[in-house]
Structures are given as C-alpha cells and as structure tokens.
Amino acid sequence: ADREHLVARLSALPGVRVAGRPASAFVLVRISGADRIRELLRARGWAVRRGDTFPGLGPDWLRIAVRDRATTDAFTTVLAEIMEA
C-alpha cells in the first residue's frame, strides 16, 4: 500500500515518469535534470539514489525508496517545490 501511494504521488507530478510497475522497496523515476534535483533534495534533507549507477540508466533517473505515507507526502511536497522553482 505504501508503494502504491508513492507511485500515485509521483505520477501526479508534471515531468515525473515512473518506470514500469514497481514491485520492490524502491521506485525508479525519470526526471529531466535529475542530477540537479537530487542535489537540491539533499540540501533539504532528502536522500535519493542516482540512477546512472545502474546498468542501462542515465543521469535523468532517480531511485526513490518506499516509505510510510507521511514520509512520502512530505517528500513529494518538497520534490514538487523544487521542480516548480
């Protein structure tokens, strides 16, 4: 249920594309400028993994861990703020 909540919140953000149908404890997303977004998230206290460390993925990919709904809501709010700036 927590993964489905994360996917729904991410899918609602313009410019965020969730890869496939996630079935594990993380979600892969493609976002233009993901490398810069990752740094801005880090500056705001959020850690996500780079996607380009995984075979076949490039710098526009992020790996986001599934967390509880409250954490997901807080994270996606910050992500939306960063992307709108």
PDB file of N, CA and C in Angstrom:
ATOM      1  N   ALA A   1       0.823  -1.198   0.000  1.00  0.00           N
ATOM      2  CA  ALA A   1       0.000   0.000   0.000  1.00  0.00           C
ATOM      3  C   ALA A   1       0.865   1.260   0.000  1.00  0.00           C
ATOM      4  N   ASP A   2       1.987   1.233   0.737  1.00  0.00           N
ATOM      5  CA  ASP A   2       2.874   2.398   0.772  1.00  0.00           C
ATOM      6  C   ASP A   2       3.508   2.641  -0.599  1.00  0.00           C
ATOM      7  N   ARG A   3       3.874   1.572  -1.292  1.00  0.00           N
ATOM      8  CA  ARG A   3       4.463   1.719  -2.631  1.00  0.00           C
ATOM      9  C   ARG A   3       3.435   2.317  -3.592  1.00  0.00           C
ATOM     10  N   GLU A   4       2.203   1.836  -3.533  1.00  0.00           N
ATOM     11  CA  GLU A   4       1.152   2.368  -4.402  1.00  0.00           C
ATOM     12  C   GLU A   4       0.913   3.845  -4.132  1.00  0.00           C
ATOM     13  N   HIS A   5       0.982   4.232  -2.870  1.00  0.00           N
ATOM     14  CA  HIS A   5       0.814   5.645  -2.505  1.00  0.00           C
ATOM     15  C   HIS A   5       1.951   6.483  -3.098  1.00  0.00           C
ATOM     16  N   LEU A   6       3.186   5.994  -2.981  1.00  0.00           N
ATOM     17  CA  LEU A   6       4.330   6.708  -3.543  1.00  0.00           C
ATOM     18  C   LEU A   6       4.191   6.839  -5.059  1.00  0.00           C
ATOM     19  N   VAL A   7       3.848   5.759  -5.729  1.00  0.00           N
ATOM     20  CA  VAL A   7       3.690   5.796  -7.183  1.00  0.00           C
ATOM     21  C   VAL A   7       2.606   6.802  -7.579  1.00  0.00           C
ATOM     22  N   ALA A   8       1.498   6.805  -6.867  1.00  0.00           N
ATOM     23  CA  ALA A   8       0.415   7.742  -7.181  1.00  0.00           C
ATOM     24  C   ALA A   8       0.859   9.184  -7.003  1.00  0.00           C
ATOM     25  N   ARG A   9       1.554   9.457  -5.908  1.00  0.00           N
ATOM     26  CA  ARG A   9       2.019  10.835  -5.663  1.00  0.00           C
ATOM     27  C   ARG A   9       3.042  11.268  -6.705  1.00  0.00           C
ATOM     28  N   LEU A  10       3.977  10.379  -7.044  1.00  0.00           N
ATOM     29  CA  LEU A  10       4.984  10.722  -8.057  1.00  0.00           C
ATOM     30  C   LEU A  10       4.352  10.895  -9.429  1.00  0.00           C
ATOM     31  N   SER A  11       3.432  10.030  -9.766  1.00  0.00           N
ATOM     32  CA  SER A  11       2.779  10.084 -11.078  1.00  0.00           C
ATOM     33  C   SER A  11       1.965  11.356 -11.262  1.00  0.00           C
ATOM     34  N   ALA A  12       1.529  11.951 -10.179  1.00  0.00           N
ATOM     35  CA  ALA A  12       0.740  13.178 -10.245  1.00  0.00           C
ATOM     36  C   ALA A  12       1.596  14.422 -10.497  1.00  0.00           C
ATOM     37  N   LEU A  13       2.905  14.286 -10.376  1.00  0.00           N
ATOM     38  CA  LEU A  13       3.794  15.437 -10.570  1.00  0.00           C
ATOM     39  C   LEU A  13       4.144  15.596 -12.045  1.00  0.00           C
ATOM     40  N   PRO A  14       3.927  16.783 -12.609  1.00  0.00           N
ATOM     41  CA  PRO A  14       4.308  17.015 -14.002  1.00  0.00           C
ATOM     42  C   PRO A  14       5.815  16.825 -14.184  1.00  0.00           C
ATOM     43  N   GLY A  15       6.191  16.131 -15.235  1.00  0.00           N
ATOM     44  CA  GLY A  15       7.605  15.936 -15.527  1.00  0.00           C
ATOM     45  C   GLY A  15       8.228  14.723 -14.877  1.00  0.00           C
ATOM     46  N   VAL A  16       7.460  13.979 -14.078  1.00  0.00           N
ATOM     47  CA  VAL A  16       7.971  12.776 -13.425  1.00  0.00           C
ATOM     48  C   VAL A  16       7.358  11.559 -14.108  1.00  0.00           C
ATOM     49  N   ARG A  17       8.213  10.647 -14.566  1.00  0.00           N
ATOM     50  CA  ARG A  17       7.716   9.422 -15.196  1.00  0.00           C
ATOM     51  C   ARG A  17       8.175   8.231 -14.366  1.00  0.00           C
ATOM     52  N   VAL A  18       7.239   7.500 -13.819  1.00  0.00           N
ATOM     53  CA  VAL A  18       7.549   6.291 -13.058  1.00  0.00           C
ATOM     54  C   VAL A  18       7.801   5.168 -14.058  1.00  0.00           C
ATOM     55  N   ALA A  19       8.898   4.438 -13.855  1.00  0.00           N
ATOM     56  CA  ALA A  19       9.270   3.355 -14.759  1.00  0.00           C
ATOM     57  C   ALA A  19       8.510   2.086 -14.433  1.00  0.00           C
ATOM     58  N   GLY A  20       7.824   1.563 -15.418  1.00  0.00           N
ATOM     59  CA  GLY A  20       7.160   0.274 -15.267  1.00  0.00           C
ATOM     60  C   GLY A  20       6.138   0.237 -14.156  1.00  0.00           C
ATOM     61  N   ARG A  21       6.007  -0.964 -13.603  1.00  0.00           N
ATOM     62  CA  ARG A  21       5.097  -1.187 -12.474  1.00  0.00           C
ATOM     63  C   ARG A  21       5.949  -1.678 -11.304  1.00  0.00           C
ATOM     64  N   PRO A  22       6.369  -0.761 -10.422  1.00  0.00           N
ATOM     65  CA  PRO A  22       7.263  -1.143  -9.330  1.00  0.00           C
ATOM     66  C   PRO A  22       6.710  -2.289  -8.484  1.00  0.00           C
ATOM     67  N   ALA A  23       7.625  -3.187  -8.080  1.00  0.00           N
ATOM     68  CA  ALA A  23       7.223  -4.343  -7.277  1.00  0.00           C
ATOM     69  C   ALA A  23       8.205  -4.608  -6.142  1.00  0.00           C
ATOM     70  N   SER A  24       9.038  -3.620  -5.822  1.00  0.00           N
ATOM     71  CA  SER A  24      10.017  -3.812  -4.755  1.00  0.00           C
ATOM     72  C   SER A  24       9.979  -2.614  -3.807  1.00  0.00           C
ATOM     73  N   ALA A  25      11.018  -2.465  -3.022  1.00  0.00           N
ATOM     74  CA  ALA A  25      11.062  -1.426  -1.998  1.00  0.00           C
ATOM     75  C   ALA A  25      11.571  -0.079  -2.518  1.00  0.00           C
ATOM     76  N   PHE A  26      11.655   0.059  -3.840  1.00  0.00           N
ATOM     77  CA  PHE A  26      12.037   1.343  -4.411  1.00  0.00           C
ATOM     78  C   PHE A  26      11.294   1.545  -5.722  1.00  0.00           C
ATOM     79  N   VAL A  27      11.292   2.808  -6.159  1.00  0.00           N
ATOM     80  CA  VAL A  27      10.630   3.191  -7.398  1.00  0.00           C
ATOM     81  C   VAL A  27      11.638   3.948  -8.246  1.00  0.00           C
ATOM     82  N   LEU A  28      11.742   3.589  -9.514  1.00  0.00           N
ATOM     83  CA  LEU A  28      12.592   4.314 -10.451  1.00  0.00           C
ATOM     84  C   LEU A  28      11.762   5.373 -11.154  1.00  0.00           C
ATOM     85  N   VAL A  29      12.301   6.581 -11.215  1.00  0.00           N
ATOM     86  CA  VAL A  29      11.616   7.660 -11.922  1.00  0.00           C
ATOM     87  C   VAL A  29      12.584   8.358 -12.856  1.00  0.00           C
ATOM     88  N   ARG A  30      12.030   8.848 -13.948  1.00  0.00           N
ATOM     89  CA  ARG A  30      12.815   9.641 -14.893  1.00  0.00           C
ATOM     90  C   ARG A  30      12.335  11.072 -14.799  1.00  0.00           C
ATOM     91  N   ILE A  31      13.302  11.969 -14.538  1.00  0.00           N
ATOM     92  CA  ILE A  31      13.015  13.398 -14.396  1.00  0.00           C
ATOM     93  C   ILE A  31      14.127  14.147 -15.117  1.00  0.00           C
ATOM     94  N   SER A  32      13.766  15.026 -16.005  1.00  0.00           N
ATOM     95  CA  SER A  32      14.771  15.846 -16.658  1.00  0.00           C
ATOM     96  C   SER A  32      15.519  16.659 -15.601  1.00  0.00           C
ATOM     97  N   GLY A  33      16.837  16.619 -15.659  1.00  0.00           N
ATOM     98  CA  GLY A  33      17.641  17.347 -14.674  1.00  0.00           C
ATOM     99  C   GLY A  33      17.718  16.659 -13.329  1.00  0.00           C
ATOM    100  N   ALA A  34      17.562  15.342 -13.307  1.00  0.00           N
ATOM    101  CA  ALA A  34      17.532  14.596 -12.041  1.00  0.00           C
ATOM    102  C   ALA A  34      18.794  14.798 -11.212  1.00  0.00           C
ATOM    103  N   ASP A  35      19.936  14.972 -11.857  1.00  0.00           N
ATOM    104  CA  ASP A  35      21.171  15.170 -11.093  1.00  0.00           C
ATOM    105  C   ASP A  35      21.101  16.443 -10.252  1.00  0.00           C
ATOM    106  N   ARG A  36      20.569  17.517 -10.824  1.00  0.00           N
ATOM    107  CA  ARG A  36      20.420  18.775 -10.082  1.00  0.00           C
ATOM    108  C   ARG A  36      19.338  18.634  -9.010  1.00  0.00           C
ATOM    109  N   ILE A  37      18.254  17.981  -9.352  1.00  0.00           N
ATOM    110  CA  ILE A  37      17.151  17.778  -8.403  1.00  0.00           C
ATOM    111  C   ILE A  37      17.629  16.968  -7.203  1.00  0.00           C
ATOM    112  N   ARG A  38      18.445  15.950  -7.447  1.00  0.00           N
ATOM    113  CA  ARG A  38      18.981  15.134  -6.353  1.00  0.00           C
ATOM    114  C   ARG A  38      19.804  15.984  -5.387  1.00  0.00           C
ATOM    115  N   GLU A  39      20.610  16.872  -5.920  1.00  0.00           N
ATOM    116  CA  GLU A  39      21.416  17.752  -5.064  1.00  0.00           C
ATOM    117  C   GLU A  39      20.529  18.704  -4.257  1.00  0.00           C
ATOM    118  N   LEU A  40      19.494  19.228  -4.881  1.00  0.00           N
ATOM    119  CA  LEU A  40      18.578  20.128  -4.175  1.00  0.00           C
ATOM    120  C   LEU A  40      17.791  19.376  -3.105  1.00  0.00           C
ATOM    121  N   LEU A  41      17.405  18.149  -3.394  1.00  0.00           N
ATOM    122  CA  LEU A  41      16.745  17.329  -2.373  1.00  0.00           C
ATOM    123  C   LEU A  41      17.676  17.094  -1.192  1.00  0.00           C
ATOM    124  N   ARG A  42      18.925  16.779  -1.479  1.00  0.00           N
ATOM    125  CA  ARG A  42      19.904  16.544  -0.416  1.00  0.00           C
ATOM    126  C   ARG A  42      20.043  17.780   0.469  1.00  0.00           C
ATOM    127  N   ALA A  43      20.079  18.949  -0.151  1.00  0.00           N
ATOM    128  CA  ALA A  43      20.201  20.195   0.617  1.00  0.00           C
ATOM    129  C   ALA A  43      19.000  20.422   1.524  1.00  0.00           C
ATOM    130  N   ARG A  44      17.871  19.821   1.197  1.00  0.00           N
ATOM    131  CA  ARG A  44      16.657  19.952   2.005  1.00  0.00           C
ATOM    132  C   ARG A  44      16.456  18.761   2.929  1.00  0.00           C
ATOM    133  N   GLY A  45      17.444  17.862   3.009  1.00  0.00           N
ATOM    134  CA  GLY A  45      17.394  16.756   3.959  1.00  0.00           C
ATOM    135  C   GLY A  45      16.855  15.441   3.427  1.00  0.00           C
ATOM    136  N   TRP A  46      16.732  15.308   2.108  1.00  0.00           N
ATOM    137  CA  TRP A  46      16.186  14.086   1.499  1.00  0.00           C
ATOM    138  C   TRP A  46      17.257  13.390   0.677  1.00  0.00           C
ATOM    139  N   ALA A  47      17.358  12.083   0.835  1.00  0.00           N
ATOM    140  CA  ALA A  47      18.347  11.302   0.084  1.00  0.00           C
ATOM    141  C   ALA A  47      17.629  10.380  -0.901  1.00  0.00           C
ATOM    142  N   VAL A  48      18.050  10.466  -2.147  1.00  0.00           N
ATOM    143  CA  VAL A  48      17.605   9.541  -3.189  1.00  0.00           C
ATOM    144  C   VAL A  48      18.851   9.078  -3.923  1.00  0.00           C
ATOM    145  N   ARG A  49      18.777   7.906  -4.516  1.00  0.00           N
ATOM    146  CA  ARG A  49      19.942   7.366  -5.218  1.00  0.00           C
ATOM    147  C   ARG A  49      19.943   7.792  -6.678  1.00  0.00           C
ATOM    148  N   ARG A  50      21.141   8.002  -7.176  1.00  0.00           N
ATOM    149  CA  ARG A  50      21.320   8.289  -8.593  1.00  0.00           C
ATOM    150  C   ARG A  50      20.927   7.061  -9.399  1.00  0.00           C
ATOM    151  N   GLY A  51      20.381   7.290 -10.574  1.00  0.00           N
ATOM    152  CA  GLY A  51      20.027   6.183 -11.437  1.00  0.00           C
ATOM    153  C   GLY A  51      21.147   5.738 -12.340  1.00  0.00           C
ATOM    154  N   ASP A  52      22.089   6.637 -12.613  1.00  0.00           N
ATOM    155  CA  ASP A  52      23.141   6.304 -13.579  1.00  0.00           C
ATOM    156  C   ASP A  52      24.151   5.296 -13.047  1.00  0.00           C
ATOM    157  N   THR A  53      24.017   4.884 -11.810  1.00  0.00           N
ATOM    158  CA  THR A  53      24.884   3.830 -11.272  1.00  0.00           C
ATOM    159  C   THR A  53      24.331   2.440 -11.583  1.00  0.00           C
ATOM    160  N   PHE A  54      23.136   2.379 -12.170  1.00  0.00           N
ATOM    161  CA  PHE A  54      22.514   1.119 -12.549  1.00  0.00           C
ATOM    162  C   PHE A  54      22.672   0.926 -14.054  1.00  0.00           C
ATOM    163  N   PRO A  55      23.046  -0.267 -14.493  1.00  0.00           N
ATOM    164  CA  PRO A  55      23.238  -0.520 -15.932  1.00  0.00           C
ATOM    165  C   PRO A  55      22.003  -0.144 -16.745  1.00  0.00           C
ATOM    166  N   GLY A  56      22.243   0.619 -17.803  1.00  0.00           N
ATOM    167  CA  GLY A  56      21.176   0.993 -18.718  1.00  0.00           C
ATOM    168  C   GLY A  56      20.458   2.287 -18.385  1.00  0.00           C
ATOM    169  N   LEU A  57      20.725   2.854 -17.218  1.00  0.00           N
ATOM    170  CA  LEU A  57      20.068   4.105 -16.842  1.00  0.00           C
ATOM    171  C   LEU A  57      21.057   5.260 -16.945  1.00  0.00           C
ATOM    172  N   GLY A  58      20.537   6.455 -17.192  1.00  0.00           N
ATOM    173  CA  GLY A  58      21.382   7.632 -17.331  1.00  0.00           C
ATOM    174  C   GLY A  58      21.162   8.629 -16.216  1.00  0.00           C
ATOM    175  N   PRO A  59      21.662   9.849 -16.407  1.00  0.00           N
ATOM    176  CA  PRO A  59      21.621  10.872 -15.361  1.00  0.00           C
ATOM    177  C   PRO A  59      20.229  11.428 -15.068  1.00  0.00           C
ATOM    178  N   ASP A  60      19.233  11.104 -15.880  1.00  0.00           N
ATOM    179  CA  ASP A  60      17.882  11.601 -15.628  1.00  0.00           C
ATOM    180  C   ASP A  60      17.026  10.630 -14.820  1.00  0.00           C
ATOM    181  N   TRP A  61      17.663   9.672 -14.168  1.00  0.00           N
ATOM    182  CA  TRP A  61      16.938   8.671 -13.379  1.00  0.00           C
ATOM    183  C   TRP A  61      17.267   8.794 -11.899  1.00  0.00           C
ATOM    184  N   LEU A  62      16.251   8.578 -11.072  1.00  0.00           N
ATOM    185  CA  LEU A  62      16.427   8.538  -9.615  1.00  0.00           C
ATOM    186  C   LEU A  62      15.760   7.274  -9.076  1.00  0.00           C
ATOM    187  N   ARG A  63      16.339   6.757  -8.008  1.00  0.00           N
ATOM    188  CA  ARG A  63      15.769   5.611  -7.298  1.00  0.00           C
ATOM    189  C   ARG A  63      15.267   6.123  -5.955  1.00  0.00           C
ATOM    190  N   ILE A  64      13.976   5.969  -5.724  1.00  0.00           N
ATOM    191  CA  ILE A  64      13.343   6.510  -4.523  1.00  0.00           C
ATOM    192  C   ILE A  64      12.818   5.358  -3.678  1.00  0.00           C
ATOM    193  N   ALA A  65      13.215   5.323  -2.422  1.00  0.00           N
ATOM    194  CA  ALA A  65      12.783   4.258  -1.514  1.00  0.00           C
ATOM    195  C   ALA A  65      11.335   4.453  -1.094  1.00  0.00           C
ATOM    196  N   VAL A  66      10.638   3.344  -0.951  1.00  0.00           N
ATOM    197  CA  VAL A  66       9.260   3.358  -0.454  1.00  0.00           C
ATOM    198  C   VAL A  66       9.307   3.567   1.061  1.00  0.00           C
ATOM    199  N   ARG A  67       8.533   4.508   1.532  1.00  0.00           N
ATOM    200  CA  ARG A  67       8.438   4.801   2.963  1.00  0.00           C
ATOM    201  C   ARG A  67       6.955   4.896   3.330  1.00  0.00           C
ATOM    202  N   ASP A  68       6.684   5.200   4.580  1.00  0.00           N
ATOM    203  CA  ASP A  68       5.303   5.348   5.034  1.00  0.00           C
ATOM    204  C   ASP A  68       4.649   6.557   4.354  1.00  0.00           C
ATOM    205  N   ARG A  69       3.332   6.616   4.438  1.00  0.00           N
ATOM    206  CA  ARG A  69       2.578   7.660   3.727  1.00  0.00           C
ATOM    207  C   ARG A  69       2.961   9.080   4.159  1.00  0.00           C
ATOM    208  N   ALA A  70       3.159   9.299   5.426  1.00  0.00           N
ATOM    209  CA  ALA A  70       3.509  10.644   5.903  1.00  0.00           C
ATOM    210  C   ALA A  70       4.852  11.082   5.327  1.00  0.00           C
ATOM    211  N   THR A  71       5.814  10.182   5.305  1.00  0.00           N
ATOM    212  CA  THR A  71       7.123  10.497   4.750  1.00  0.00           C
ATOM    213  C   THR A  71       7.005  10.753   3.250  1.00  0.00           C
ATOM    214  N   THR A  72       6.244   9.911   2.564  1.00  0.00           N
ATOM    215  CA  THR A  72       6.034  10.098   1.126  1.00  0.00           C
ATOM    216  C   THR A  72       5.389  11.442   0.834  1.00  0.00           C
ATOM    217  N   ASP A  73       4.379  11.809   1.607  1.00  0.00           N
ATOM    218  CA  ASP A  73       3.713  13.089   1.384  1.00  0.00           C
ATOM    219  C   ASP A  73       4.674  14.260   1.584  1.00  0.00           C
ATOM    220  N   ALA A  74       5.478  14.193   2.634  1.00  0.00           N
ATOM    221  CA  ALA A  74       6.454  15.256   2.890  1.00  0.00           C
ATOM    222  C   ALA A  74       7.493  15.309   1.768  1.00  0.00           C
ATOM    223  N   PHE A  75       7.984  14.146   1.342  1.00  0.00           N
ATOM    224  CA  PHE A  75       8.984  14.087   0.274  1.00  0.00           C
ATOM    225  C   PHE A  75       8.438  14.640  -1.034  1.00  0.00           C
ATOM    226  N   THR A  76       7.255  14.197  -1.446  1.00  0.00           N
ATOM    227  CA  THR A  76       6.730  14.641  -2.731  1.00  0.00           C
ATOM    228  C   THR A  76       6.355  16.127  -2.713  1.00  0.00           C
ATOM    229  N   THR A  77       6.015  16.652  -1.552  1.00  0.00           N
ATOM    230  CA  THR A  77       5.776  18.097  -1.441  1.00  0.00           C
ATOM    231  C   THR A  77       7.054  18.863  -1.724  1.00  0.00           C
ATOM    232  N   VAL A  78       8.159  18.424  -1.127  1.00  0.00           N
ATOM    233  CA  VAL A  78       9.456  19.073  -1.363  1.00  0.00           C
ATOM    234  C   VAL A  78       9.883  18.896  -2.818  1.00  0.00           C
ATOM    235  N   LEU A  79       9.713  17.702  -3.362  1.00  0.00           N
ATOM    236  CA  LEU A  79      10.068  17.459  -4.757  1.00  0.00           C
ATOM    237  C   LEU A  79       9.282  18.386  -5.684  1.00  0.00           C
ATOM    238  N   ALA A  80       7.996  18.540  -5.444  1.00  0.00           N
ATOM    239  CA  ALA A  80       7.172  19.433  -6.265  1.00  0.00           C
ATOM    240  C   ALA A  80       7.665  20.873  -6.167  1.00  0.00           C
ATOM    241  N   GLU A  81       8.019  21.321  -4.961  1.00  0.00           N
ATOM    242  CA  GLU A  81       8.530  22.675  -4.776  1.00  0.00           C
ATOM    243  C   GLU A  81       9.815  22.880  -5.573  1.00  0.00           C
ATOM    244  N   ILE A  82      10.701  21.916  -5.531  1.00  0.00           N
ATOM    245  CA  ILE A  82      11.971  22.009  -6.252  1.00  0.00           C
ATOM    246  C   ILE A  82      11.722  22.060  -7.747  1.00  0.00           C
ATOM    247  N   MET A  83      10.830  21.225  -8.229  1.00  0.00           N
ATOM    248  CA  MET A  83      10.579  21.172  -9.664  1.00  0.00           C
ATOM    249  C   MET A  83       9.870  22.431 -10.174  1.00  0.00           C
ATOM    250  N   GLU A  84       9.093  23.082  -9.329  1.00  0.00           N
ATOM    251  CA  GLU A  84       8.400  24.307  -9.725  1.00  0.00           C
ATOM    252  C   GLU A  84       9.305  25.529  -9.716  1.00  0.00           C
ATOM    253  N   ALA A  85      10.404  25.444  -8.978  1.00  0.00           N
ATOM    254  CA  ALA A  85      11.303  26.600  -8.830  1.00  0.00           C
ATOM    255  C   ALA A  85      12.089  26.875 -10.099  1.00  0.00           C
TER     256      ALA A  85
END
